[in-house]
Amino acid sequence: EEQYLVVWMDSIVFKVREGSKVINKTI
């Protein structure tokens, strides 16, 4: 939509494999 009255923003961290390592990534 063109307009939003309020937008709440936050993030959450997950462990994801990248190559041979497991690292933290953020959604």
mmCIF file of all heavy atoms, coordinates in Angstrom:
data_MODEL
# 
_entry.id   MODEL 
# 
loop_
_atom_site.group_PDB 
_atom_site.id 
_atom_site.type_symbol 
_atom_site.label_atom_id 
_atom_site.label_alt_id 
_atom_site.label_comp_id 
_atom_site.label_asym_id 
_atom_site.label_entity_id 
_atom_site.label_seq_id 
_atom_site.pdbx_PDB_ins_code 
_atom_site.Cartn_x 
_atom_site.Cartn_y 
_atom_site.Cartn_z 
_atom_site.occupancy 
_atom_site.B_iso_or_equiv 
_atom_site.pdbx_formal_charge 
_atom_site.auth_seq_id 
_atom_site.auth_comp_id 
_atom_site.auth_asym_id 
_atom_site.auth_atom_id 
_atom_site.pdbx_PDB_model_num 
ATOM 1   N N   . GLU A 1 1  ? 0.836  -1.199  0.000  1.00 0.00 ? 1  GLU A N   1 
ATOM 2   C CA  . GLU A 1 1  ? 0.000  0.000   0.000  1.00 0.00 ? 1  GLU A CA  1 
ATOM 3   C C   . GLU A 1 1  ? 0.876  1.257   0.000  1.00 0.00 ? 1  GLU A C   1 
ATOM 4   O O   . GLU A 1 1  ? 2.052  1.214   0.380  1.00 0.00 ? 1  GLU A O   1 
ATOM 5   C CB  . GLU A 1 1  ? -0.929 -0.008  1.217  1.00 0.00 ? 1  GLU A CB  1 
ATOM 6   C CG  . GLU A 1 1  ? -1.924 -1.160  1.185  1.00 0.00 ? 1  GLU A CG  1 
ATOM 7   C CD  . GLU A 1 1  ? -2.952 -1.078  2.304  1.00 0.00 ? 1  GLU A CD  1 
ATOM 8   O OE1 . GLU A 1 1  ? -3.100 0.005   2.916  1.00 0.00 ? 1  GLU A OE1 1 
ATOM 9   O OE2 . GLU A 1 1  ? -3.618 -2.102  2.564  1.00 0.00 ? 1  GLU A OE2 1 
ATOM 10  N N   . GLU A 1 2  ? 0.274  2.381   -0.387 1.00 0.00 ? 2  GLU A N   1 
ATOM 11  C CA  . GLU A 1 2  ? 1.032  3.636   -0.462 1.00 0.00 ? 2  GLU A CA  1 
ATOM 12  C C   . GLU A 1 2  ? 1.370  4.178   0.924  1.00 0.00 ? 2  GLU A C   1 
ATOM 13  O O   . GLU A 1 2  ? 2.418  4.789   1.107  1.00 0.00 ? 2  GLU A O   1 
ATOM 14  C CB  . GLU A 1 2  ? 0.236  4.691   -1.235 1.00 0.00 ? 2  GLU A CB  1 
ATOM 15  C CG  . GLU A 1 2  ? 0.130  4.416   -2.729 1.00 0.00 ? 2  GLU A CG  1 
ATOM 16  C CD  . GLU A 1 2  ? -0.582 5.538   -3.456 1.00 0.00 ? 2  GLU A CD  1 
ATOM 17  O OE1 . GLU A 1 2  ? -0.830 6.602   -2.831 1.00 0.00 ? 2  GLU A OE1 1 
ATOM 18  O OE2 . GLU A 1 2  ? -0.881 5.374   -4.650 1.00 0.00 ? 2  GLU A OE2 1 
ATOM 19  N N   . GLN A 1 3  ? 0.470  3.970   1.891  1.00 0.00 ? 3  GLN A N   1 
ATOM 20  C CA  . GLN A 1 3  ? 0.661  4.553   3.220  1.00 0.00 ? 3  GLN A CA  1 
ATOM 21  C C   . GLN A 1 3  ? 0.458  3.501   4.308  1.00 0.00 ? 3  GLN A C   1 
ATOM 22  O O   . GLN A 1 3  ? -0.446 2.667   4.219  1.00 0.00 ? 3  GLN A O   1 
ATOM 23  C CB  . GLN A 1 3  ? -0.335 5.701   3.447  1.00 0.00 ? 3  GLN A CB  1 
ATOM 24  C CG  . GLN A 1 3  ? -0.111 6.894   2.523  1.00 0.00 ? 3  GLN A CG  1 
ATOM 25  C CD  . GLN A 1 3  ? -1.083 8.022   2.814  1.00 0.00 ? 3  GLN A CD  1 
ATOM 26  O OE1 . GLN A 1 3  ? -2.253 7.791   3.126  1.00 0.00 ? 3  GLN A OE1 1 
ATOM 27  N NE2 . GLN A 1 3  ? -0.603 9.260   2.729  1.00 0.00 ? 3  GLN A NE2 1 
ATOM 28  N N   . TYR A 1 4  ? 1.315  3.564   5.320  1.00 0.00 ? 4  TYR A N   1 
ATOM 29  C CA  . TYR A 1 4  ? 1.142  2.756   6.526  1.00 0.00 ? 4  TYR A CA  1 
ATOM 30  C C   . TYR A 1 4  ? 1.198  3.694   7.727  1.00 0.00 ? 4  TYR A C   1 
ATOM 31  O O   . TYR A 1 4  ? 2.073  4.574   7.803  1.00 0.00 ? 4  TYR A O   1 
ATOM 32  C CB  . TYR A 1 4  ? 2.211  1.668   6.623  1.00 0.00 ? 4  TYR A CB  1 
ATOM 33  C CG  . TYR A 1 4  ? 1.981  0.543   5.636  1.00 0.00 ? 4  TYR A CG  1 
ATOM 34  C CD1 . TYR A 1 4  ? 2.557  0.573   4.374  1.00 0.00 ? 4  TYR A CD1 1 
ATOM 35  C CD2 . TYR A 1 4  ? 1.142  -0.523  5.952  1.00 0.00 ? 4  TYR A CD2 1 
ATOM 36  C CE1 . TYR A 1 4  ? 2.319  -0.436  3.451  1.00 0.00 ? 4  TYR A CE1 1 
ATOM 37  C CE2 . TYR A 1 4  ? 0.900  -1.541  5.037  1.00 0.00 ? 4  TYR A CE2 1 
ATOM 38  C CZ  . TYR A 1 4  ? 1.484  -1.486  3.795  1.00 0.00 ? 4  TYR A CZ  1 
ATOM 39  O OH  . TYR A 1 4  ? 1.231  -2.492  2.889  1.00 0.00 ? 4  TYR A OH  1 
ATOM 40  N N   . LEU A 1 5  ? 0.273  3.495   8.648  1.00 0.00 ? 5  LEU A N   1 
ATOM 41  C CA  . LEU A 1 5  ? 0.212  4.371   9.815  1.00 0.00 ? 5  LEU A CA  1 
ATOM 42  C C   . LEU A 1 5  ? 1.412  4.137   10.729 1.00 0.00 ? 5  LEU A C   1 
ATOM 43  O O   . LEU A 1 5  ? 2.026  5.084   11.220 1.00 0.00 ? 5  LEU A O   1 
ATOM 44  C CB  . LEU A 1 5  ? -1.092 4.143   10.586 1.00 0.00 ? 5  LEU A CB  1 
ATOM 45  C CG  . LEU A 1 5  ? -2.388 4.260   9.767  1.00 0.00 ? 5  LEU A CG  1 
ATOM 46  C CD1 . LEU A 1 5  ? -3.598 4.141   10.679 1.00 0.00 ? 5  LEU A CD1 1 
ATOM 47  C CD2 . LEU A 1 5  ? -2.426 5.565   9.003  1.00 0.00 ? 5  LEU A CD2 1 
ATOM 48  N N   . VAL A 1 6  ? 1.721  2.875   10.963 1.00 0.00 ? 6  VAL A N   1 
ATOM 49  C CA  . VAL A 1 6  ? 2.863  2.505   11.800 1.00 0.00 ? 6  VAL A CA  1 
ATOM 50  C C   . VAL A 1 6  ? 3.588  1.346   11.129 1.00 0.00 ? 6  VAL A C   1 
ATOM 51  O O   . VAL A 1 6  ? 2.943  0.465   10.539 1.00 0.00 ? 6  VAL A O   1 
ATOM 52  C CB  . VAL A 1 6  ? 2.419  2.058   13.218 1.00 0.00 ? 6  VAL A CB  1 
ATOM 53  C CG1 . VAL A 1 6  ? 3.634  1.800   14.107 1.00 0.00 ? 6  VAL A CG1 1 
ATOM 54  C CG2 . VAL A 1 6  ? 1.492  3.077   13.870 1.00 0.00 ? 6  VAL A CG2 1 
ATOM 55  N N   . VAL A 1 7  ? 4.905  1.354   11.209 1.00 0.00 ? 7  VAL A N   1 
ATOM 56  C CA  . VAL A 1 7  ? 5.696  0.186   10.800 1.00 0.00 ? 7  VAL A CA  1 
ATOM 57  C C   . VAL A 1 7  ? 6.645  -0.155  11.940 1.00 0.00 ? 7  VAL A C   1 
ATOM 58  O O   . VAL A 1 7  ? 7.422  0.693   12.395 1.00 0.00 ? 7  VAL A O   1 
ATOM 59  C CB  . VAL A 1 7  ? 6.489  0.436   9.497  1.00 0.00 ? 7  VAL A CB  1 
ATOM 60  C CG1 . VAL A 1 7  ? 7.455  -0.728  9.229  1.00 0.00 ? 7  VAL A CG1 1 
ATOM 61  C CG2 . VAL A 1 7  ? 5.539  0.600   8.311  1.00 0.00 ? 7  VAL A CG2 1 
ATOM 62  N N   . TRP A 1 8  ? 6.527  -1.388  12.429 1.00 0.00 ? 8  TRP A N   1 
ATOM 63  C CA  . TRP A 1 8  ? 7.422  -1.891  13.468 1.00 0.00 ? 8  TRP A CA  1 
ATOM 64  C C   . TRP A 1 8  ? 8.535  -2.688  12.788 1.00 0.00 ? 8  TRP A C   1 
ATOM 65  O O   . TRP A 1 8  ? 8.270  -3.505  11.902 1.00 0.00 ? 8  TRP A O   1 
ATOM 66  C CB  . TRP A 1 8  ? 6.684  -2.817  14.432 1.00 0.00 ? 8  TRP A CB  1 
ATOM 67  C CG  . TRP A 1 8  ? 5.575  -2.167  15.202 1.00 0.00 ? 8  TRP A CG  1 
ATOM 68  C CD1 . TRP A 1 8  ? 5.652  -1.590  16.439 1.00 0.00 ? 8  TRP A CD1 1 
ATOM 69  C CD2 . TRP A 1 8  ? 4.190  -2.061  14.814 1.00 0.00 ? 8  TRP A CD2 1 
ATOM 70  N NE1 . TRP A 1 8  ? 4.409  -1.128  16.833 1.00 0.00 ? 8  TRP A NE1 1 
ATOM 71  C CE2 . TRP A 1 8  ? 3.500  -1.396  15.859 1.00 0.00 ? 8  TRP A CE2 1 
ATOM 72  C CE3 . TRP A 1 8  ? 3.482  -2.446  13.676 1.00 0.00 ? 8  TRP A CE3 1 
ATOM 73  C CZ2 . TRP A 1 8  ? 2.139  -1.127  15.804 1.00 0.00 ? 8  TRP A CZ2 1 
ATOM 74  C CZ3 . TRP A 1 8  ? 2.126  -2.176  13.613 1.00 0.00 ? 8  TRP A CZ3 1 
ATOM 75  C CH2 . TRP A 1 8  ? 1.467  -1.522  14.668 1.00 0.00 ? 8  TRP A CH2 1 
ATOM 76  N N   . MET A 1 9  ? 9.769  -2.490  13.215 1.00 0.00 ? 9  MET A N   1 
ATOM 77  C CA  . MET A 1 9  ? 10.898 -3.179  12.578 1.00 0.00 ? 9  MET A CA  1 
ATOM 78  C C   . MET A 1 9  ? 11.798 -3.830  13.622 1.00 0.00 ? 9  MET A C   1 
ATOM 79  O O   . MET A 1 9  ? 12.090 -3.225  14.658 1.00 0.00 ? 9  MET A O   1 
ATOM 80  C CB  . MET A 1 9  ? 11.703 -2.193  11.728 1.00 0.00 ? 9  MET A CB  1 
ATOM 81  C CG  . MET A 1 9  ? 10.949 -1.725  10.494 1.00 0.00 ? 9  MET A CG  1 
ATOM 82  S SD  . MET A 1 9  ? 11.884 -0.570  9.459  1.00 0.00 ? 9  MET A SD  1 
ATOM 83  C CE  . MET A 1 9  ? 11.575 0.956   10.318 1.00 0.00 ? 9  MET A CE  1 
ATOM 84  N N   . ASP A 1 10 ? 12.201 -5.035  13.340 1.00 0.00 ? 10 ASP A N   1 
ATOM 85  C CA  . ASP A 1 10 ? 13.094 -5.762  14.242 1.00 0.00 ? 10 ASP A CA  1 
ATOM 86  C C   . ASP A 1 10 ? 13.765 -6.873  13.440 1.00 0.00 ? 10 ASP A C   1 
ATOM 87  O O   . ASP A 1 10 ? 13.465 -7.075  12.258 1.00 0.00 ? 10 ASP A O   1 
ATOM 88  C CB  . ASP A 1 10 ? 12.314 -6.327  15.428 1.00 0.00 ? 10 ASP A CB  1 
ATOM 89  C CG  . ASP A 1 10 ? 13.197 -6.615  16.642 1.00 0.00 ? 10 ASP A CG  1 
ATOM 90  O OD1 . ASP A 1 10 ? 14.414 -6.316  16.582 1.00 0.00 ? 10 ASP A OD1 1 
ATOM 91  O OD2 . ASP A 1 10 ? 12.694 -7.145  17.636 1.00 0.00 ? 10 ASP A OD2 1 
ATOM 92  N N   . SER A 1 11 ? 14.643 -7.611  14.083 1.00 0.00 ? 11 SER A N   1 
ATOM 93  C CA  . SER A 1 11 ? 15.352 -8.687  13.387 1.00 0.00 ? 11 SER A CA  1 
ATOM 94  C C   . SER A 1 11 ? 15.488 -9.891  14.299 1.00 0.00 ? 11 SER A C   1 
ATOM 95  O O   . SER A 1 11 ? 15.283 -9.807  15.513 1.00 0.00 ? 11 SER A O   1 
ATOM 96  C CB  . SER A 1 11 ? 16.738 -8.205  12.943 1.00 0.00 ? 11 SER A CB  1 
ATOM 97  O OG  . SER A 1 11 ? 17.512 -7.846  14.075 1.00 0.00 ? 11 SER A OG  1 
ATOM 98  N N   . ILE A 1 12 ? 15.826 -11.022 13.692 1.00 0.00 ? 12 ILE A N   1 
ATOM 99  C CA  . ILE A 1 12 ? 15.970 -12.270 14.429 1.00 0.00 ? 12 ILE A CA  1 
ATOM 100 C C   . ILE A 1 12 ? 17.138 -13.042 13.798 1.00 0.00 ? 12 ILE A C   1 
ATOM 101 O O   . ILE A 1 12 ? 17.294 -13.051 12.575 1.00 0.00 ? 12 ILE A O   1 
ATOM 102 C CB  . ILE A 1 12 ? 14.639 -13.062 14.390 1.00 0.00 ? 12 ILE A CB  1 
ATOM 103 C CG1 . ILE A 1 12 ? 14.691 -14.310 15.248 1.00 0.00 ? 12 ILE A CG1 1 
ATOM 104 C CG2 . ILE A 1 12 ? 14.215 -13.385 12.984 1.00 0.00 ? 12 ILE A CG2 1 
ATOM 105 C CD1 . ILE A 1 12 ? 13.304 -14.932 15.460 1.00 0.00 ? 12 ILE A CD1 1 
ATOM 106 N N   . VAL A 1 13 ? 17.962 -13.658 14.635 1.00 0.00 ? 13 VAL A N   1 
ATOM 107 C CA  . VAL A 1 13 ? 19.211 -14.286 14.172 1.00 0.00 ? 13 VAL A CA  1 
ATOM 108 C C   . VAL A 1 13 ? 19.054 -15.803 14.088 1.00 0.00 ? 13 VAL A C   1 
ATOM 109 O O   . VAL A 1 13 ? 18.481 -16.435 14.987 1.00 0.00 ? 13 VAL A O   1 
ATOM 110 C CB  . VAL A 1 13 ? 20.382 -13.922 15.108 1.00 0.00 ? 13 VAL A CB  1 
ATOM 111 C CG1 . VAL A 1 13 ? 21.667 -14.638 14.679 1.00 0.00 ? 13 VAL A CG1 1 
ATOM 112 C CG2 . VAL A 1 13 ? 20.601 -12.408 15.125 1.00 0.00 ? 13 VAL A CG2 1 
ATOM 113 N N   . PHE A 1 14 ? 19.577 -16.387 12.999 1.00 0.00 ? 14 PHE A N   1 
ATOM 114 C CA  . PHE A 1 14 ? 19.575 -17.836 12.809 1.00 0.00 ? 14 PHE A CA  1 
ATOM 115 C C   . PHE A 1 14 ? 20.984 -18.296 12.436 1.00 0.00 ? 14 PHE A C   1 
ATOM 116 O O   . PHE A 1 14 ? 21.775 -17.520 11.906 1.00 0.00 ? 14 PHE A O   1 
ATOM 117 C CB  . PHE A 1 14 ? 18.616 -18.235 11.681 1.00 0.00 ? 14 PHE A CB  1 
ATOM 118 C CG  . PHE A 1 14 ? 17.177 -17.972 11.982 1.00 0.00 ? 14 PHE A CG  1 
ATOM 119 C CD1 . PHE A 1 14 ? 16.578 -16.792 11.571 1.00 0.00 ? 14 PHE A CD1 1 
ATOM 120 C CD2 . PHE A 1 14 ? 16.415 -18.894 12.686 1.00 0.00 ? 14 PHE A CD2 1 
ATOM 121 C CE1 . PHE A 1 14 ? 15.246 -16.531 11.844 1.00 0.00 ? 14 PHE A CE1 1 
ATOM 122 C CE2 . PHE A 1 14 ? 15.092 -18.644 12.970 1.00 0.00 ? 14 PHE A CE2 1 
ATOM 123 C CZ  . PHE A 1 14 ? 14.500 -17.464 12.545 1.00 0.00 ? 14 PHE A CZ  1 
ATOM 124 N N   . LYS A 1 15 ? 21.239 -19.563 12.695 1.00 0.00 ? 15 LYS A N   1 
ATOM 125 C CA  . LYS A 1 15 ? 22.504 -20.156 12.280 1.00 0.00 ? 15 LYS A CA  1 
ATOM 126 C C   . LYS A 1 15 ? 22.307 -20.818 10.916 1.00 0.00 ? 15 LYS A C   1 
ATOM 127 O O   . LYS A 1 15 ? 21.400 -21.637 10.739 1.00 0.00 ? 15 LYS A O   1 
ATOM 128 C CB  . LYS A 1 15 ? 22.990 -21.175 13.315 1.00 0.00 ? 15 LYS A CB  1 
ATOM 129 C CG  . LYS A 1 15 ? 23.371 -20.523 14.647 1.00 0.00 ? 15 LYS A CG  1 
ATOM 130 C CD  . LYS A 1 15 ? 24.106 -21.478 15.559 1.00 0.00 ? 15 LYS A CD  1 
ATOM 131 C CE  . LYS A 1 15 ? 24.539 -20.779 16.840 1.00 0.00 ? 15 LYS A CE  1 
ATOM 132 N NZ  . LYS A 1 15 ? 25.473 -19.668 16.599 1.00 0.00 ? 15 LYS A NZ  1 
ATOM 133 N N   . VAL A 1 16 ? 23.157 -20.442 9.969  1.00 0.00 ? 16 VAL A N   1 
ATOM 134 C CA  . VAL A 1 16 ? 23.023 -20.920 8.592  1.00 0.00 ? 16 VAL A CA  1 
ATOM 135 C C   . VAL A 1 16 ? 24.397 -21.381 8.089  1.00 0.00 ? 16 VAL A C   1 
ATOM 136 O O   . VAL A 1 16 ? 25.412 -20.716 8.346  1.00 0.00 ? 16 VAL A O   1 
ATOM 137 C CB  . VAL A 1 16 ? 22.480 -19.805 7.661  1.00 0.00 ? 16 VAL A CB  1 
ATOM 138 C CG1 . VAL A 1 16 ? 22.270 -20.345 6.251  1.00 0.00 ? 16 VAL A CG1 1 
ATOM 139 C CG2 . VAL A 1 16 ? 21.185 -19.217 8.208  1.00 0.00 ? 16 VAL A CG2 1 
ATOM 140 N N   . ARG A 1 17 ? 24.406 -22.507 7.383  1.00 0.00 ? 17 ARG A N   1 
ATOM 141 C CA  . ARG A 1 17 ? 25.668 -23.004 6.838  1.00 0.00 ? 17 ARG A CA  1 
ATOM 142 C C   . ARG A 1 17 ? 26.090 -22.168 5.634  1.00 0.00 ? 17 ARG A C   1 
ATOM 143 O O   . ARG A 1 17 ? 25.284 -21.857 4.758  1.00 0.00 ? 17 ARG A O   1 
ATOM 144 C CB  . ARG A 1 17 ? 25.542 -24.479 6.433  1.00 0.00 ? 17 ARG A CB  1 
ATOM 145 C CG  . ARG A 1 17 ? 26.838 -25.086 5.884  1.00 0.00 ? 17 ARG A CG  1 
ATOM 146 C CD  . ARG A 1 17 ? 26.751 -26.585 5.820  1.00 0.00 ? 17 ARG A CD  1 
ATOM 147 N NE  . ARG A 1 17 ? 26.693 -27.185 7.139  1.00 0.00 ? 17 ARG A NE  1 
ATOM 148 C CZ  . ARG A 1 17 ? 27.752 -27.353 7.948  1.00 0.00 ? 17 ARG A CZ  1 
ATOM 149 N NH1 . ARG A 1 17 ? 28.963 -26.966 7.542  1.00 0.00 ? 17 ARG A NH1 1 
ATOM 150 N NH2 . ARG A 1 17 ? 27.615 -27.903 9.124  1.00 0.00 ? 17 ARG A NH2 1 
ATOM 151 N N   . GLU A 1 18 ? 27.350 -21.797 5.623  1.00 0.00 ? 18 GLU A N   1 
ATOM 152 C CA  . GLU A 1 18 ? 27.924 -21.084 4.484  1.00 0.00 ? 18 GLU A CA  1 
ATOM 153 C C   . GLU A 1 18 ? 29.282 -21.710 4.192  1.00 0.00 ? 18 GLU A C   1 
ATOM 154 O O   . GLU A 1 18 ? 30.239 -21.518 4.946  1.00 0.00 ? 18 GLU A O   1 
ATOM 155 C CB  . GLU A 1 18 ? 28.069 -19.593 4.785  1.00 0.00 ? 18 GLU A CB  1 
ATOM 156 C CG  . GLU A 1 18 ? 28.424 -18.765 3.555  1.00 0.00 ? 18 GLU A CG  1 
ATOM 157 C CD  . GLU A 1 18 ? 28.375 -17.274 3.828  1.00 0.00 ? 18 GLU A CD  1 
ATOM 158 O OE1 . GLU A 1 18 ? 29.407 -16.713 4.263  1.00 0.00 ? 18 GLU A OE1 1 
ATOM 159 O OE2 . GLU A 1 18 ? 27.308 -16.666 3.627  1.00 0.00 ? 18 GLU A OE2 1 
ATOM 160 N N   . GLY A 1 19 ? 29.341 -22.473 3.108  1.00 0.00 ? 19 GLY A N   1 
ATOM 161 C CA  . GLY A 1 19 ? 30.561 -23.217 2.821  1.00 0.00 ? 19 GLY A CA  1 
ATOM 162 C C   . GLY A 1 19 ? 30.762 -24.300 3.867  1.00 0.00 ? 19 GLY A C   1 
ATOM 163 O O   . GLY A 1 19 ? 29.874 -25.106 4.141  1.00 0.00 ? 19 GLY A O   1 
ATOM 164 N N   . SER A 1 20 ? 31.927 -24.302 4.502  1.00 0.00 ? 20 SER A N   1 
ATOM 165 C CA  . SER A 1 20 ? 32.228 -25.317 5.514  1.00 0.00 ? 20 SER A CA  1 
ATOM 166 C C   . SER A 1 20 ? 31.916 -24.834 6.927  1.00 0.00 ? 20 SER A C   1 
ATOM 167 O O   . SER A 1 20 ? 32.117 -25.567 7.892  1.00 0.00 ? 20 SER A O   1 
ATOM 168 C CB  . SER A 1 20 ? 33.708 -25.705 5.430  1.00 0.00 ? 20 SER A CB  1 
ATOM 169 O OG  . SER A 1 20 ? 34.524 -24.557 5.649  1.00 0.00 ? 20 SER A OG  1 
ATOM 170 N N   . LYS A 1 21 ? 31.405 -23.614 7.062  1.00 0.00 ? 21 LYS A N   1 
ATOM 171 C CA  . LYS A 1 21 ? 31.140 -23.035 8.386  1.00 0.00 ? 21 LYS A CA  1 
ATOM 172 C C   . LYS A 1 21 ? 29.649 -22.814 8.606  1.00 0.00 ? 21 LYS A C   1 
ATOM 173 O O   . LYS A 1 21 ? 28.876 -22.666 7.663  1.00 0.00 ? 21 LYS A O   1 
ATOM 174 C CB  . LYS A 1 21 ? 31.870 -21.700 8.534  1.00 0.00 ? 21 LYS A CB  1 
ATOM 175 C CG  . LYS A 1 21 ? 33.380 -21.803 8.489  1.00 0.00 ? 21 LYS A CG  1 
ATOM 176 C CD  . LYS A 1 21 ? 34.007 -20.432 8.652  1.00 0.00 ? 21 LYS A CD  1 
ATOM 177 C CE  . LYS A 1 21 ? 35.530 -20.506 8.619  1.00 0.00 ? 21 LYS A CE  1 
ATOM 178 N NZ  . LYS A 1 21 ? 36.142 -19.153 8.753  1.00 0.00 ? 21 LYS A NZ  1 
ATOM 179 N N   . VAL A 1 22 ? 29.263 -22.771 9.885  1.00 0.00 ? 22 VAL A N   1 
ATOM 180 C CA  . VAL A 1 22 ? 27.924 -22.350 10.272 1.00 0.00 ? 22 VAL A CA  1 
ATOM 181 C C   . VAL A 1 22 ? 28.061 -20.971 10.913 1.00 0.00 ? 22 VAL A C   1 
ATOM 182 O O   . VAL A 1 22 ? 28.787 -20.802 11.891 1.00 0.00 ? 22 VAL A O   1 
ATOM 183 C CB  . VAL A 1 22 ? 27.274 -23.344 11.267 1.00 0.00 ? 22 VAL A CB  1 
ATOM 184 C CG1 . VAL A 1 22 ? 25.938 -22.795 11.770 1.00 0.00 ? 22 VAL A CG1 1 
ATOM 185 C CG2 . VAL A 1 22 ? 27.069 -24.707 10.604 1.00 0.00 ? 22 VAL A CG2 1 
ATOM 186 N N   . ILE A 1 23 ? 27.387 -19.977 10.332 1.00 0.00 ? 23 ILE A N   1 
ATOM 187 C CA  . ILE A 1 23 ? 27.523 -18.599 10.807 1.00 0.00 ? 23 ILE A CA  1 
ATOM 188 C C   . ILE A 1 23 ? 26.153 -18.019 11.161 1.00 0.00 ? 23 ILE A C   1 
ATOM 189 O O   . ILE A 1 23 ? 25.120 -18.570 10.799 1.00 0.00 ? 23 ILE A O   1 
ATOM 190 C CB  . ILE A 1 23 ? 28.199 -17.698 9.742  1.00 0.00 ? 23 ILE A CB  1 
ATOM 191 C CG1 . ILE A 1 23 ? 27.313 -17.588 8.487  1.00 0.00 ? 23 ILE A CG1 1 
ATOM 192 C CG2 . ILE A 1 23 ? 29.580 -18.217 9.382  1.00 0.00 ? 23 ILE A CG2 1 
ATOM 193 C CD1 . ILE A 1 23 ? 27.794 -16.549 7.494  1.00 0.00 ? 23 ILE A CD1 1 
ATOM 194 N N   . ASN A 1 24 ? 26.179 -16.917 11.899 1.00 0.00 ? 24 ASN A N   1 
ATOM 195 C CA  . ASN A 1 24 ? 24.938 -16.213 12.223 1.00 0.00 ? 24 ASN A CA  1 
ATOM 196 C C   . ASN A 1 24 ? 24.494 -15.353 11.045 1.00 0.00 ? 24 ASN A C   1 
ATOM 197 O O   . ASN A 1 24 ? 25.303 -14.624 10.460 1.00 0.00 ? 24 ASN A O   1 
ATOM 198 C CB  . ASN A 1 24 ? 25.135 -15.310 13.445 1.00 0.00 ? 24 ASN A CB  1 
ATOM 199 C CG  . ASN A 1 24 ? 25.233 -16.100 14.726 1.00 0.00 ? 24 ASN A CG  1 
ATOM 200 O OD1 . ASN A 1 24 ? 24.790 -17.246 14.811 1.00 0.00 ? 24 ASN A OD1 1 
ATOM 201 N ND2 . ASN A 1 24 ? 25.800 -15.503 15.761 1.00 0.00 ? 24 ASN A ND2 1 
ATOM 202 N N   . LYS A 1 25 ? 23.231 -15.474 10.702 1.00 0.00 ? 25 LYS A N   1 
ATOM 203 C CA  . LYS A 1 25 ? 22.630 -14.587 9.702  1.00 0.00 ? 25 LYS A CA  1 
ATOM 204 C C   . LYS A 1 25 ? 21.357 -13.996 10.282 1.00 0.00 ? 25 LYS A C   1 
ATOM 205 O O   . LYS A 1 25 ? 20.725 -14.586 11.164 1.00 0.00 ? 25 LYS A O   1 
ATOM 206 C CB  . LYS A 1 25 ? 22.360 -15.322 8.393  1.00 0.00 ? 25 LYS A CB  1 
ATOM 207 C CG  . LYS A 1 25 ? 23.637 -15.689 7.644  1.00 0.00 ? 25 LYS A CG  1 
ATOM 208 C CD  . LYS A 1 25 ? 23.373 -16.018 6.190  1.00 0.00 ? 25 LYS A CD  1 
ATOM 209 C CE  . LYS A 1 25 ? 24.680 -16.238 5.434  1.00 0.00 ? 25 LYS A CE  1 
ATOM 210 N NZ  . LYS A 1 25 ? 24.457 -16.519 4.002  1.00 0.00 ? 25 LYS A NZ  1 
ATOM 211 N N   . THR A 1 26 ? 20.983 -12.841 9.777  1.00 0.00 ? 26 THR A N   1 
ATOM 212 C CA  . THR A 1 26 ? 19.870 -12.087 10.347 1.00 0.00 ? 26 THR A CA  1 
ATOM 213 C C   . THR A 1 26 ? 18.711 -12.002 9.365  1.00 0.00 ? 26 THR A C   1 
ATOM 214 O O   . THR A 1 26 ? 18.905 -11.666 8.199  1.00 0.00 ? 26 THR A O   1 
ATOM 215 C CB  . THR A 1 26 ? 20.329 -10.660 10.724 1.00 0.00 ? 26 THR A CB  1 
ATOM 216 O OG1 . THR A 1 26 ? 21.418 -10.743 11.640 1.00 0.00 ? 26 THR A OG1 1 
ATOM 217 C CG2 . THR A 1 26 ? 19.198 -9.872  11.358 1.00 0.00 ? 26 THR A CG2 1 
ATOM 218 N N   . ILE A 1 27 ? 17.518 -12.343 9.867  1.00 0.00 ? 27 ILE A N   1 
ATOM 219 C CA  . ILE A 1 27 ? 16.286 -12.085 9.109  1.00 0.00 ? 27 ILE A CA  1 
ATOM 220 C C   . ILE A 1 27 ? 15.719 -10.764 9.609  1.00 0.00 ? 27 ILE A C   1 
ATOM 221 O O   . ILE A 1 27 ? 15.424 -10.598 10.792 1.00 0.00 ? 27 ILE A O   1 
ATOM 222 C CB  . ILE A 1 27 ? 15.252 -13.208 9.307  1.00 0.00 ? 27 ILE A CB  1 
ATOM 223 C CG1 . ILE A 1 27 ? 15.687 -14.488 8.598  1.00 0.00 ? 27 ILE A CG1 1 
ATOM 224 C CG2 . ILE A 1 27 ? 13.870 -12.758 8.816  1.00 0.00 ? 27 ILE A CG2 1 
ATOM 225 C CD1 . ILE A 1 27 ? 15.436 -14.521 7.105  1.00 0.00 ? 27 ILE A CD1 1 
# 
